[in-house]
Protein backbone atom coordinates (compact mmCIF):
# COMPACT_ATOMS: atom_id res chain seq x y z
CA MET A 1 3.92 111.76 -29.30
CA ARG A 2 5.26 107.94 -29.94
CA HIS A 3 2.86 105.88 -31.83
CA ALA A 4 2.94 102.12 -31.22
CA ILE A 5 1.85 99.95 -34.21
CA ILE A 6 0.77 96.38 -34.16
CA GLU A 7 -0.39 94.55 -37.41
CA MET A 8 -2.39 91.26 -37.59
CA TYR A 9 -3.39 89.10 -40.45
CA MET A 10 -7.08 88.58 -40.00
CA GLY A 11 -8.08 85.63 -42.27
CA ASP A 12 -11.16 85.74 -44.06
CA SER A 13 -13.17 87.93 -41.86
CA THR A 14 -15.31 90.90 -43.39
CA ILE A 15 -15.04 93.06 -40.28
CA ARG A 16 -13.96 96.51 -40.55
CA HIS A 17 -12.54 98.45 -37.43
CA LEU A 18 -12.26 101.75 -36.52
CA CYS A 19 -9.33 103.16 -34.67
CA THR A 20 -9.59 106.69 -33.34
CA LYS A 21 -6.48 108.62 -32.99
CA ARG A 22 -5.95 111.14 -30.44
CA CYS A 23 -7.10 113.93 -32.72
CA GLY A 24 -10.50 112.13 -32.92
CA THR A 25 -10.32 111.17 -36.52
CA ALA A 26 -11.66 107.71 -37.40
CA THR A 27 -9.38 105.44 -39.79
CA ALA A 28 -10.73 102.48 -41.30
CA ILE A 29 -8.73 99.30 -41.22
CA SER A 30 -8.89 96.50 -43.72
CA PRO A 31 -9.16 93.06 -41.92
CA GLU A 32 -6.76 91.64 -44.63
CA ASN A 33 -3.82 93.84 -42.97
CA TRP A 34 -5.49 95.16 -39.68
CA CYS A 35 -3.23 97.81 -38.30
CA ILE A 36 -3.97 99.17 -34.74
CA ARG A 37 -2.45 102.54 -34.04
CA SER A 38 -2.79 104.55 -30.82
CA PRO A 39 -0.67 107.32 -29.15
CA PHE A 40 -1.51 105.59 -25.76
CA LEU A 41 -0.89 101.84 -26.70
CA GLY A 42 2.03 101.11 -24.36
CA GLY A 43 1.57 98.18 -22.22
CA ASP A 44 1.65 94.51 -22.98
CA ARG A 45 1.28 93.72 -26.66
CA SER A 46 0.17 90.04 -26.09
CA MET A 47 -2.90 91.34 -24.42
CA ILE A 48 -3.69 93.64 -27.15
CA ILE A 49 -3.48 90.76 -29.50
CA SER A 50 -5.40 88.62 -27.35
CA VAL A 51 -8.43 91.04 -27.20
CA VAL A 52 -8.32 91.56 -31.14
CA CYS A 53 -8.40 87.57 -31.51
CA ILE A 54 -11.17 87.32 -29.04
CA PHE A 55 -13.23 90.12 -30.91
CA LYS A 56 -12.63 88.47 -34.17
CA PHE A 57 -13.79 85.14 -32.84
CA ILE A 58 -16.91 86.69 -31.45
CA HIS A 59 -17.49 88.43 -34.76
CA SER A 60 -17.05 85.47 -37.09
CA VAL A 61 -18.43 82.53 -34.89
CA ILE A 62 -21.22 84.42 -33.34
CA TRP A 63 -22.23 87.81 -34.79
CA VAL A 64 -22.18 87.25 -38.69
CA PRO A 65 -23.83 83.77 -38.50
CA TRP A 66 -26.63 85.28 -36.30
CA LYS A 67 -26.82 88.34 -38.47
CA THR A 68 -26.97 85.92 -41.65
CA GLN A 69 -29.55 83.70 -40.02
CA VAL A 70 -31.80 86.61 -39.10
CA TYR A 71 -31.58 88.01 -42.74
CA PHE A 72 -32.87 84.92 -44.17
CA ARG A 73 -35.68 84.53 -41.83
CA LYS A 74 -36.88 88.13 -42.72
CA GLN A 75 -37.18 86.57 -46.42
CA GLY A 76 -39.13 83.70 -45.02
CA ILE A 77 -36.21 81.32 -45.25
CA SER A 78 -35.84 79.12 -41.79
CA GLY A 79 -33.90 76.16 -40.87
CA PRO A 80 -32.12 74.60 -37.87
CA ASN A 81 -30.91 77.00 -35.38
CA TYR A 82 -27.10 77.82 -35.76
CA ARG A 83 -24.92 76.62 -32.80
CA PRO A 84 -21.42 78.48 -32.53
CA ILE A 85 -18.26 76.68 -34.19
CA PHE A 86 -20.03 73.53 -35.41
CA GLY A 87 -23.12 74.78 -36.72
CA ASN A 88 -25.58 71.73 -37.40
CA THR A 89 -22.86 69.37 -38.31
CA PRO A 90 -23.54 67.11 -35.06
CA GLU A 91 -27.21 66.77 -35.96
CA TYR A 92 -26.08 66.22 -39.75
CA ARG A 93 -23.85 63.27 -38.67
CA ARG A 94 -26.58 61.86 -36.25
CA LEU A 95 -29.03 61.45 -38.86
CA PHE A 96 -26.72 59.79 -41.19
CA SER A 97 -25.57 57.29 -38.54
CA GLU A 98 -29.12 56.41 -37.73
CA VAL A 99 -30.24 55.52 -41.60
CA ARG A 100 -27.01 53.67 -42.10
CA SER A 101 -27.53 51.48 -38.96
CA LYS A 102 -30.80 49.96 -40.45
CA PRO A 103 -31.26 47.72 -43.37
CA MET A 104 -34.09 48.69 -45.91
CA PRO A 105 -36.29 46.56 -48.22
CA PHE A 106 -35.07 47.02 -51.64
CA ASN A 107 -36.88 49.88 -53.29
CA HIS A 108 -35.86 52.96 -55.27
CA ASP A 109 -37.05 55.77 -52.63
CA ILE A 110 -33.39 56.46 -51.45
CA VAL A 111 -33.64 60.12 -50.83
CA HIS A 112 -34.12 59.35 -46.99
CA ARG A 113 -31.13 57.20 -47.11
CA VAL A 114 -28.51 59.19 -49.27
CA ALA A 115 -29.55 62.84 -47.82
CA PRO A 116 -31.30 62.08 -44.49
CA PHE A 117 -30.71 65.57 -43.35
CA TYR A 118 -32.42 67.02 -46.44
CA CYS A 119 -35.54 64.95 -45.65
CA GLU A 120 -35.72 65.65 -42.21
CA TRP A 121 -35.20 69.54 -42.54
CA SER A 122 -37.24 70.00 -45.52
CA ARG A 123 -40.16 68.18 -43.86
CA LYS A 124 -39.84 70.93 -40.91
CA TYR A 125 -38.75 74.06 -42.95
CA GLY A 126 -39.81 73.59 -46.60
CA LYS A 127 -38.06 72.77 -49.66
CA THR A 128 -35.77 75.74 -49.41
CA PHE A 129 -34.00 76.12 -45.93
CA LEU A 130 -30.68 77.25 -44.53
CA TYR A 131 -28.50 75.06 -42.28
CA TRP A 132 -24.91 75.43 -41.18
CA PHE A 133 -21.88 73.56 -41.79
CA GLY A 134 -19.69 74.83 -39.16
CA THR A 135 -19.92 78.18 -39.60
CA LYS A 136 -20.56 78.28 -43.12
CA PRO A 137 -24.27 79.09 -43.94
CA THR A 138 -25.64 76.49 -46.61
CA LEU A 139 -28.73 77.14 -48.42
CA ALA A 140 -30.59 74.07 -49.47
CA ILE A 141 -32.71 74.28 -52.69
CA SER A 142 -34.60 71.77 -55.00
CA ASP A 143 -36.38 74.31 -57.30
CA PRO A 144 -35.32 73.49 -60.78
CA ASP A 145 -35.42 77.24 -61.66
CA MET A 146 -33.29 78.19 -59.04
CA ILE A 147 -30.64 75.24 -59.70
CA LYS A 148 -30.72 76.25 -63.39
CA GLU A 149 -29.79 79.83 -62.38
CA VAL A 150 -26.94 79.05 -59.96
CA LEU A 151 -25.48 76.36 -62.47
CA MET A 152 -25.79 78.44 -65.67
CA ASN A 153 -25.31 81.90 -64.29
CA THR A 154 -21.57 81.87 -64.03
CA GLY A 155 -20.41 84.63 -66.58
CA ASP A 156 -19.88 87.29 -64.06
CA GLY A 157 -18.58 85.01 -61.14
CA SER A 158 -21.54 85.25 -58.97
CA PHE A 159 -21.75 81.50 -58.29
CA GLN A 160 -18.52 79.56 -57.86
CA LYS A 161 -17.66 75.95 -57.41
CA ALA A 162 -17.27 75.70 -53.47
CA ARG A 163 -13.89 75.07 -52.32
CA ASN A 164 -12.95 71.50 -51.25
CA ASN A 165 -12.10 70.69 -47.88
CA PRO A 166 -8.30 71.08 -47.85
CA LEU A 167 -7.56 67.47 -46.29
CA ALA A 168 -10.00 65.93 -49.14
CA LYS A 169 -8.31 68.10 -51.85
CA LEU A 170 -5.34 65.60 -51.56
CA LEU A 171 -7.50 62.85 -53.09
CA PHE A 172 -9.33 64.38 -55.88
CA GLY A 173 -6.41 66.62 -56.87
CA GLN A 174 -6.40 70.06 -57.73
CA GLY A 175 -7.80 69.45 -61.25
CA LEU A 176 -10.79 70.89 -63.05
CA ASN A 177 -13.14 70.30 -59.99
CA GLY A 178 -11.21 72.55 -57.90
CA LEU A 179 -10.40 75.27 -60.05
CA ASP A 180 -11.72 78.69 -60.93
CA GLY A 181 -11.26 81.65 -63.07
CA GLU A 182 -8.77 81.79 -66.11
CA GLU A 183 -6.82 78.85 -64.67
CA TRP A 184 -10.17 76.61 -64.81
CA ALA A 185 -10.88 77.96 -68.48
CA LEU A 186 -7.25 76.96 -69.57
CA HIS A 187 -7.75 73.52 -68.22
CA ARG A 188 -11.09 73.08 -69.59
CA ARG A 189 -10.17 74.08 -72.98
CA ILE A 190 -7.41 71.64 -72.87
CA ALA A 191 -9.68 68.65 -71.44
CA ASN A 192 -12.45 69.52 -73.96
CA GLN A 193 -9.70 68.87 -76.84
CA ALA A 194 -8.90 65.58 -75.05
CA PHE A 195 -12.68 64.35 -74.84
CA MET A 196 -13.38 65.21 -78.36
CA ILE A 197 -15.80 62.73 -79.54
CA GLU A 198 -13.84 61.26 -82.35
CA ARG A 199 -11.04 60.55 -79.95
CA VAL A 200 -13.57 59.04 -77.39
CA LYS A 201 -14.83 56.65 -80.25
CA CYS A 202 -11.20 55.24 -80.66
CA TRP A 203 -11.62 54.08 -77.04
CA VAL A 204 -14.41 51.50 -77.56
CA PRO A 205 -12.32 48.70 -78.60
CA GLU A 206 -10.47 48.83 -75.47
CA ILE A 207 -13.60 48.86 -73.46
CA VAL A 208 -15.26 45.86 -75.17
CA GLU A 209 -11.66 44.22 -74.98
CA SER A 210 -11.98 44.99 -70.98
CA ILE A 211 -15.36 43.55 -70.54
CA THR A 212 -14.67 40.38 -72.69
CA LYS A 213 -11.45 39.56 -70.37
CA MET A 214 -13.86 40.18 -67.22
CA LEU A 215 -16.43 37.74 -68.68
CA ILE A 216 -13.82 35.11 -69.34
CA LYS A 217 -12.34 35.54 -65.92
CA TRP A 218 -16.03 34.73 -64.65
CA GLU A 219 -16.30 31.83 -66.77
CA GLU A 220 -13.02 30.21 -65.43
CA ILE A 221 -14.04 31.08 -61.81
CA ARG A 222 -17.17 28.99 -62.57
CA GLY A 223 -15.12 26.26 -63.70
CA GLY A 224 -18.16 24.06 -65.15
CA GLY A 225 -20.01 24.38 -61.80
CA ASP A 226 -23.98 25.11 -61.71
CA GLU A 227 -23.43 28.18 -59.92
CA PHE A 228 -20.76 30.45 -58.00
CA GLU A 229 -20.86 33.76 -56.22
CA ILE A 230 -18.80 36.77 -56.96
CA ASP A 231 -18.60 40.47 -56.02
CA VAL A 232 -19.96 42.09 -59.08
CA HIS A 233 -19.16 45.70 -57.95
CA GLY A 234 -15.50 44.79 -57.23
CA GLU A 235 -15.32 43.18 -60.55
CA LEU A 236 -16.86 46.47 -62.01
CA GLN A 237 -14.33 48.45 -60.24
CA ASN A 238 -11.82 46.39 -61.69
CA PHE A 239 -13.14 46.76 -65.27
CA THR A 240 -13.47 50.41 -64.99
CA SER A 241 -9.78 50.66 -63.87
CA ASP A 242 -8.64 48.50 -66.56
CA VAL A 243 -10.41 50.69 -69.18
CA ILE A 244 -9.13 53.97 -67.62
CA ALA A 245 -5.64 52.84 -67.30
CA LYS A 246 -5.60 51.87 -71.11
CA THR A 247 -7.38 54.99 -72.32
CA ALA A 248 -5.57 57.48 -70.05
CA PHE A 249 -1.90 55.92 -70.14
CA GLY A 250 -2.08 53.14 -72.92
CA SER A 251 -1.23 50.78 -70.09
CA ASN A 252 -2.95 47.69 -68.60
CA TYR A 253 -4.93 47.51 -65.11
CA GLU A 254 -1.48 45.82 -63.63
CA GLU A 255 0.60 49.02 -64.39
CA GLY A 256 -1.95 51.33 -63.03
CA LYS A 257 -3.02 49.04 -60.18
CA ARG A 258 -0.62 51.14 -57.52
CA ILE A 259 -2.47 54.21 -58.33
CA PHE A 260 -5.70 52.63 -57.61
CA LEU A 261 -4.87 50.74 -54.51
CA LEU A 262 -3.68 54.17 -53.08
CA GLN A 263 -6.61 56.09 -53.94
CA ASP A 264 -8.92 53.27 -52.53
CA GLN A 265 -7.00 53.71 -49.13
CA HIS A 266 -7.06 57.21 -49.22
CA LYS A 267 -10.70 57.75 -50.24
CA TYR A 268 -11.79 56.80 -46.53
CA LEU A 269 -9.48 59.38 -45.07
CA ALA A 270 -11.06 61.89 -47.48
CA TYR A 271 -14.74 60.98 -46.78
CA GLN A 272 -13.81 61.48 -42.96
CA ALA A 273 -12.67 64.82 -43.68
CA LEU A 274 -15.64 65.81 -45.52
CA GLY A 275 -17.80 64.78 -42.65
CA ASN A 276 -16.30 67.03 -40.23
CA VAL A 277 -15.86 70.75 -39.97
CA TYR A 278 -12.52 71.72 -41.06
CA ILE A 279 -10.18 73.76 -38.57
CA PRO A 280 -8.02 76.40 -40.47
CA GLY A 281 -4.53 75.21 -40.23
CA PHE A 282 -5.22 71.47 -39.14
CA ARG A 283 -4.03 69.93 -42.32
CA PHE A 284 -0.16 71.46 -41.40
CA LEU A 285 -0.35 69.31 -38.02
CA PRO A 286 1.59 65.78 -38.40
CA THR A 287 -1.27 63.81 -37.11
CA LYS A 288 -1.64 60.27 -37.77
CA LYS A 289 -4.18 60.57 -40.42
CA ASN A 290 -2.51 63.58 -41.83
CA ARG A 291 0.68 61.67 -42.04
CA GLU A 292 -1.52 58.81 -43.99
CA ARG A 293 -3.09 61.56 -46.47
CA TRP A 294 0.64 63.07 -46.97
CA ARG A 295 1.78 59.64 -47.79
CA PHE A 296 -0.72 58.54 -50.04
CA ASP A 297 -0.59 61.85 -51.90
CA ARG A 298 3.16 61.80 -52.29
CA GLU A 299 3.12 58.06 -53.49
CA THR A 300 0.35 58.60 -56.01
CA ARG A 301 1.94 61.51 -57.53
CA GLU A 302 5.01 59.77 -58.01
CA ALA A 303 3.43 56.81 -59.57
CA ILE A 304 1.60 58.92 -62.22
CA ARG A 305 4.94 60.93 -62.76
CA ASN A 306 6.48 57.53 -63.51
CA LEU A 307 3.71 56.87 -66.11
CA ILE A 308 4.14 60.08 -67.64
CA LYS A 309 7.88 59.33 -68.15
CA ASN A 310 7.15 55.97 -69.88
CA ASN A 311 4.60 57.77 -71.99
CA ASN A 312 7.09 60.17 -73.12
CA SER A 313 9.14 57.25 -74.34
CA GLU A 314 6.12 56.13 -76.34
CA ARG A 315 4.53 59.27 -77.71
CA GLU A 316 3.71 57.36 -81.07
CA ASN A 317 0.38 56.15 -79.01
CA SER A 318 -1.23 59.71 -79.28
CA ARG A 319 -4.65 58.34 -78.52
CA ASN A 320 -4.46 57.82 -74.73
CA LEU A 321 -5.68 60.89 -72.58
CA LEU A 322 -2.20 61.43 -71.23
CA SER A 323 -0.81 62.04 -74.39
CA LEU A 324 -3.71 64.30 -75.20
CA LEU A 325 -3.20 66.27 -72.09
CA MET A 326 0.47 66.58 -72.50
CA SER A 327 -0.06 68.09 -75.97
CA SER A 328 -0.05 71.81 -76.76
CA TYR A 329 -3.15 73.52 -78.36
CA LYS A 330 -3.71 76.85 -79.88
CA ASN A 331 -6.45 79.13 -78.37
CA GLN A 332 -8.76 81.59 -80.23
CA GLU A 333 -6.05 84.12 -80.34
CA GLY A 334 -3.72 81.35 -81.84
CA GLU A 335 -1.67 81.22 -78.84
CA GLU A 336 -0.12 77.99 -77.85
CA GLU A 337 -1.47 76.63 -74.37
CA LYS A 338 -0.23 73.63 -72.51
CA LEU A 339 -0.25 72.21 -69.27
CA GLY A 340 2.57 71.73 -66.74
CA ILE A 341 3.72 68.34 -65.30
CA GLU A 342 2.06 68.96 -61.91
CA GLU A 343 -1.11 70.25 -63.56
CA ILE A 344 -1.40 67.25 -65.57
CA ILE A 345 -0.74 65.02 -62.45
CA ASN A 346 -3.64 66.81 -60.80
CA GLU A 347 -6.04 65.98 -63.68
CA CYS A 348 -5.00 62.44 -63.84
CA LYS A 349 -5.76 61.94 -60.21
CA THR A 350 -9.32 63.65 -60.69
CA PHE A 351 -9.88 61.46 -63.89
CA TYR A 352 -8.50 58.27 -61.96
CA PHE A 353 -10.74 58.60 -59.15
CA SER A 354 -14.14 60.21 -60.35
CA GLY A 355 -14.15 58.00 -63.52
CA LYS A 356 -13.35 54.83 -61.87
CA GLU A 357 -16.10 55.16 -58.74
CA SER A 358 -19.04 56.72 -60.60
CA THR A 359 -18.88 54.41 -64.09
CA ALA A 360 -18.54 50.95 -61.75
CA ASP A 361 -21.57 52.23 -59.47
CA LEU A 362 -23.60 52.93 -62.61
CA LEU A 363 -22.98 50.02 -64.13
CA THR A 364 -23.65 48.00 -61.07
CA TRP A 365 -27.04 49.58 -60.35
CA ALA A 366 -27.67 49.08 -64.20
CA LEU A 367 -27.23 45.48 -63.96
CA LEU A 368 -29.31 45.24 -60.77
CA LEU A 369 -32.08 47.14 -62.39
CA LEU A 370 -32.11 44.92 -65.62
CA ALA A 371 -31.91 41.81 -63.40
CA LEU A 372 -35.15 43.09 -61.62
CA HIS A 373 -37.00 44.14 -64.65
CA GLN A 374 -36.71 41.10 -67.15
CA GLU A 375 -38.68 42.83 -69.74
CA TRP A 376 -36.43 45.70 -69.83
CA GLN A 377 -33.30 43.32 -70.16
CA ASN A 378 -35.18 41.57 -73.18
CA LYS A 379 -36.03 44.86 -74.88
CA ALA A 380 -31.98 45.76 -74.54
CA ARG A 381 -31.08 42.75 -75.93
CA GLU A 382 -33.41 42.67 -78.82
CA GLU A 383 -32.12 46.15 -79.97
CA VAL A 384 -28.58 45.31 -79.46
CA PHE A 385 -29.05 42.29 -81.63
CA SER A 386 -30.96 44.41 -84.24
CA ILE A 387 -28.28 46.82 -84.63
CA PHE A 388 -25.08 44.88 -84.03
CA GLY A 389 -26.28 41.53 -84.98
CA GLU A 390 -25.46 38.44 -82.82
CA ASN A 391 -21.85 37.95 -83.83
CA GLU A 392 -20.64 41.39 -84.82
CA SER A 393 -18.13 43.41 -83.08
CA ILE A 394 -19.48 46.63 -81.27
CA ALA A 395 -19.00 49.57 -83.70
CA ALA A 396 -18.65 52.97 -81.95
CA GLU A 397 -20.45 54.69 -84.63
CA LYS A 398 -23.71 52.68 -83.94
CA LEU A 399 -23.73 53.41 -80.18
CA ASN A 400 -25.84 56.36 -80.33
CA ASP A 401 -28.46 54.24 -82.11
CA LEU A 402 -29.39 52.43 -78.90
CA LYS A 403 -32.24 54.34 -77.96
CA ILE A 404 -33.63 51.67 -75.48
CA VAL A 405 -30.13 51.02 -73.94
CA ASN A 406 -29.63 55.01 -73.64
CA SER A 407 -33.33 55.37 -71.62
CA ILE A 408 -32.19 52.41 -69.55
CA LEU A 409 -29.05 54.30 -68.41
CA CYS A 410 -30.68 57.64 -68.17
CA GLU A 411 -33.55 55.93 -65.63
CA THR A 412 -30.64 54.53 -63.73
CA GLN A 413 -28.69 57.77 -63.18
CA ARG A 414 -32.21 59.28 -62.43
CA LEU A 415 -32.82 56.88 -59.50
CA TYR A 416 -28.95 56.46 -58.45
CA PRO A 417 -27.12 59.58 -59.39
CA PRO A 418 -23.41 59.18 -59.33
CA VAL A 419 -23.24 62.20 -56.80
CA VAL A 420 -25.65 63.51 -54.30
CA MET A 421 -24.90 67.13 -54.30
CA LEU A 422 -23.34 69.61 -56.47
CA PRO A 423 -21.63 72.45 -54.00
CA ARG A 424 -21.63 76.21 -55.17
CA GLN A 425 -20.92 79.41 -53.24
CA THR A 426 -21.66 83.05 -53.91
CA SER A 427 -18.66 85.28 -54.47
CA LYS A 428 -20.86 88.46 -53.96
CA ASN A 429 -24.21 89.58 -52.99
CA VAL A 430 -26.66 88.03 -55.53
CA LYS A 431 -30.23 87.87 -56.48
CA LEU A 432 -31.59 84.22 -56.61
CA GLY A 433 -35.33 84.20 -57.77
CA ALA A 434 -37.14 86.29 -55.03
CA LEU A 435 -34.10 85.89 -52.55
CA ASP A 436 -31.31 88.00 -51.79
CA VAL A 437 -28.28 86.01 -50.96
CA PRO A 438 -25.33 87.50 -49.22
CA ALA A 439 -21.61 86.80 -50.30
CA GLY A 440 -20.12 83.64 -48.84
CA THR A 441 -23.45 81.65 -48.83
CA HIS A 442 -22.78 77.95 -49.91
CA PHE A 443 -25.62 75.97 -51.70
CA TYR A 444 -26.60 72.58 -51.40
CA LEU A 445 -28.32 71.54 -54.78
CA ALA A 446 -30.52 68.72 -53.82
CA LEU A 447 -29.95 66.64 -56.66
CA PRO A 448 -31.48 63.08 -55.60
CA SER A 449 -34.48 65.07 -54.37
CA VAL A 450 -35.15 66.56 -57.69
CA HIS A 451 -34.48 63.47 -59.50
CA HIS A 452 -37.10 61.61 -57.19
CA ASP A 453 -39.64 64.48 -57.19
CA PRO A 454 -43.35 63.51 -57.86
CA ASP A 455 -44.14 66.89 -58.88
CA ILE A 456 -41.58 66.62 -61.99
CA TRP A 457 -41.77 62.85 -62.76
CA GLY A 458 -45.12 62.05 -61.64
CA LYS A 459 -46.51 59.55 -59.21
CA ASP A 460 -44.11 56.81 -60.37
CA ALA A 461 -41.17 58.77 -59.52
CA ASN A 462 -39.56 56.06 -57.15
CA GLU A 463 -40.27 53.51 -60.09
CA PHE A 464 -37.99 52.10 -62.81
CA ASN A 465 -39.72 53.14 -66.00
CA PRO A 466 -37.49 54.15 -68.78
CA LEU A 467 -40.37 54.99 -71.19
CA ARG A 468 -40.30 58.50 -69.49
CA PHE A 469 -37.15 59.56 -71.20
CA ASN A 470 -39.14 58.94 -74.57
CA GLU A 471 -40.75 62.42 -73.87
CA PRO A 472 -38.84 65.73 -73.75
CA ARG A 473 -38.11 67.07 -70.30
CA ASN A 474 -40.01 69.96 -69.07
CA HIS A 475 -37.10 71.59 -67.44
CA LEU A 476 -33.33 71.49 -68.10
CA ALA A 477 -32.78 71.08 -64.42
CA SER A 478 -35.15 68.21 -63.69
CA PHE A 479 -32.35 65.74 -64.72
CA PHE A 480 -28.64 66.96 -64.21
CA PRO A 481 -26.54 63.68 -63.08
CA PHE A 482 -23.34 65.24 -64.60
CA GLY A 483 -24.29 69.00 -64.02
CA ILE A 484 -25.45 71.39 -66.49
CA GLY A 485 -23.94 74.60 -67.65
CA PRO A 486 -20.02 75.61 -68.26
CA ARG A 487 -18.89 73.53 -65.49
CA MET A 488 -20.78 70.31 -66.46
CA CYS A 489 -18.68 67.13 -66.13
CA VAL A 490 -16.06 67.13 -68.87
CA ASP A 491 -16.31 63.49 -70.04
CA PRO A 492 -20.08 62.61 -70.17
CA LEU A 493 -19.44 61.15 -73.59
CA SER A 494 -16.69 58.97 -72.15
CA LYS A 495 -18.81 57.63 -69.39
CA ASP A 496 -21.53 57.15 -71.89
CA PHE A 497 -19.35 55.09 -74.28
CA LYS A 498 -18.08 53.02 -71.34
CA LEU A 499 -21.43 52.32 -70.12
CA LYS A 500 -23.01 51.34 -73.23
CA GLY A 501 -19.75 49.48 -74.44
CA ALA A 502 -19.96 47.32 -71.32
CA LEU A 503 -23.65 46.47 -71.59
CA CYS A 504 -23.50 45.73 -75.26
CA GLY A 505 -20.34 43.91 -75.01
CA GLY A 506 -21.60 41.39 -72.69
CA PHE A 507 -24.10 42.14 -70.23
CA VAL A 508 -27.32 42.49 -72.24
CA PHE A 509 -26.64 39.21 -73.72
CA LYS A 510 -26.94 37.28 -70.64
CA ALA A 511 -30.26 36.70 -68.83
CA MET A 512 -30.31 37.43 -65.31
CA GLU A 513 -33.07 36.85 -62.62
CA PHE A 514 -33.48 38.58 -59.35
CA LEU A 515 -34.57 36.34 -56.29
CA SER A 516 -36.87 38.28 -53.80
CA GLY A 517 -36.29 38.29 -50.14
CA CYS A 518 -32.98 40.29 -50.12
CA THR A 519 -32.31 43.44 -48.29
CA VAL A 520 -30.58 46.60 -49.67
CA ASN A 521 -28.45 49.33 -47.90
CA PRO A 522 -27.36 52.03 -50.41
CA THR A 523 -24.78 54.68 -48.95
CA LEU A 524 -23.11 57.59 -50.54
CA ASN A 525 -20.27 55.29 -51.39
CA CYS A 526 -18.71 51.86 -50.95
CA ARG A 527 -21.75 50.06 -52.40
CA ARG A 528 -20.85 46.12 -52.65
CA PHE A 529 -22.81 43.71 -54.73
CA ILE A 530 -22.31 39.76 -54.06
CA SER A 531 -23.63 37.91 -57.12
CA ARG A 532 -24.66 34.29 -57.36
CA VAL A 533 -24.19 33.47 -61.06
CA TYR A 534 -25.54 30.41 -62.66
CA ALA A 535 -24.22 28.36 -65.19
CA TYR A 536 -23.68 30.54 -68.67
CA TYR A 537 -25.23 33.46 -66.73
CA ASP A 538 -28.69 32.45 -67.29
CA VAL A 539 -29.79 33.31 -63.66
CA SER A 540 -28.19 35.63 -61.25
CA ASN A 541 -28.98 36.24 -57.58
CA MET A 542 -27.64 39.71 -56.60
CA ILE A 543 -27.48 40.61 -53.11
CA HIS A 544 -26.78 44.11 -52.04
CA THR A 545 -24.89 44.68 -48.68
CA LEU A 546 -23.16 47.77 -47.17
CA GLY A 547 -19.43 47.67 -47.26
CA GLU A 548 -18.34 50.13 -44.42
């Protein structure tokens, strides 16, 4: 008898379908290439396809989430109820909208501000709970032992970096932060060579030069007056942009300015995408926002490609990051490894964006904390004078001797970490502590909550106290602003040298005073400082407002 055959691609579903032939033998069909065979098929094929699609939709959107939720509840892990298609995303967004609509007195208790969903749901369901971003189950954890296991146990690929939203991936580039497996290992080996400490030390003169240029600009703006106002955060973004442009491409800020402007415009579209459930295939639709994303990505890539061409004609400057990424290196087997042009462009996009935003934010918070705490500003200044002298240049070899400055920067990163989460996901069924976690489960590693946990840091967890870093930490995963383990940020040394170089190159020499009565509105991004700087920078009034 004639057999009719229909084949359909079933996406990421894990369904298995049994099709019974006339003889009664059951044949298992894989969802990756679903094949329906029946001697009685006939009829309208479109109806059969519709039935299969409906069945797949019910299975992936209703059955699997319900089964997963029950599975975790049997292990004592609860959370907000799953809602079809959107999960808990509407409530997630509502909580963010509520906290951002209200100003707050300036204090360091920011967890309820930067992660309101975690504060709300952990209060109701405990520190470990399950919530849903669309149809993706996400396990929120703040236990240092569990976090350490997730970040360190990557040898067998059990815990992988969660995939970026395809709409946001265009901004960050498919660099190290979006790769896995052998491709990630290759990029990591080459990046490690580029960020060797001896090479990073060579960038310190450019860092000091940039901070000096910025302070001279401030002096010109003051124009001999008693006071003036300036957007400190914006100035620090220009400073970090200048440093990155010089260290990455051997160029000045003006040459790389177009890339930064494009990424600044692109980031708002990326943040909108990250806050919404992604619908498969939506990135290919020519919507207004998608066309803008494509344009920003195309123009950014073209600008970086032009810088690569210019760098090729000036290869004698082998200190800059671009030259180092373009170089070939030998692996442990003695084989030469080298990145292609598109791979280099992806890495440049990642370093350009993440390096600029995180360094500028940390410097801004550090300045505000030093302005608030005069005693620590005085201690830092005395240490810098004792190591470098009042008129000596900043030597890279001596930066590691700055113990007080280092503890101030660590405490700044504890109170105001550069990121609020480190997303991971399971590639297979795993055991995490006492929990059995199914494949495909995402993790929210609650970094701000850990950094502000009184059980870890004491009753003064929400206070600025750099002295706490004079003692060794009790747990590796109690402080991880740049992550831990194999996937730790590839350039923490670079950020450390930028921060210390900037502070020592100018800021700690200038006394600042914070005037009370202002309000602060911290967010996940877009922080903006307006600073009223008095003559010779001896007093500064910093007001932190939200820049939507």
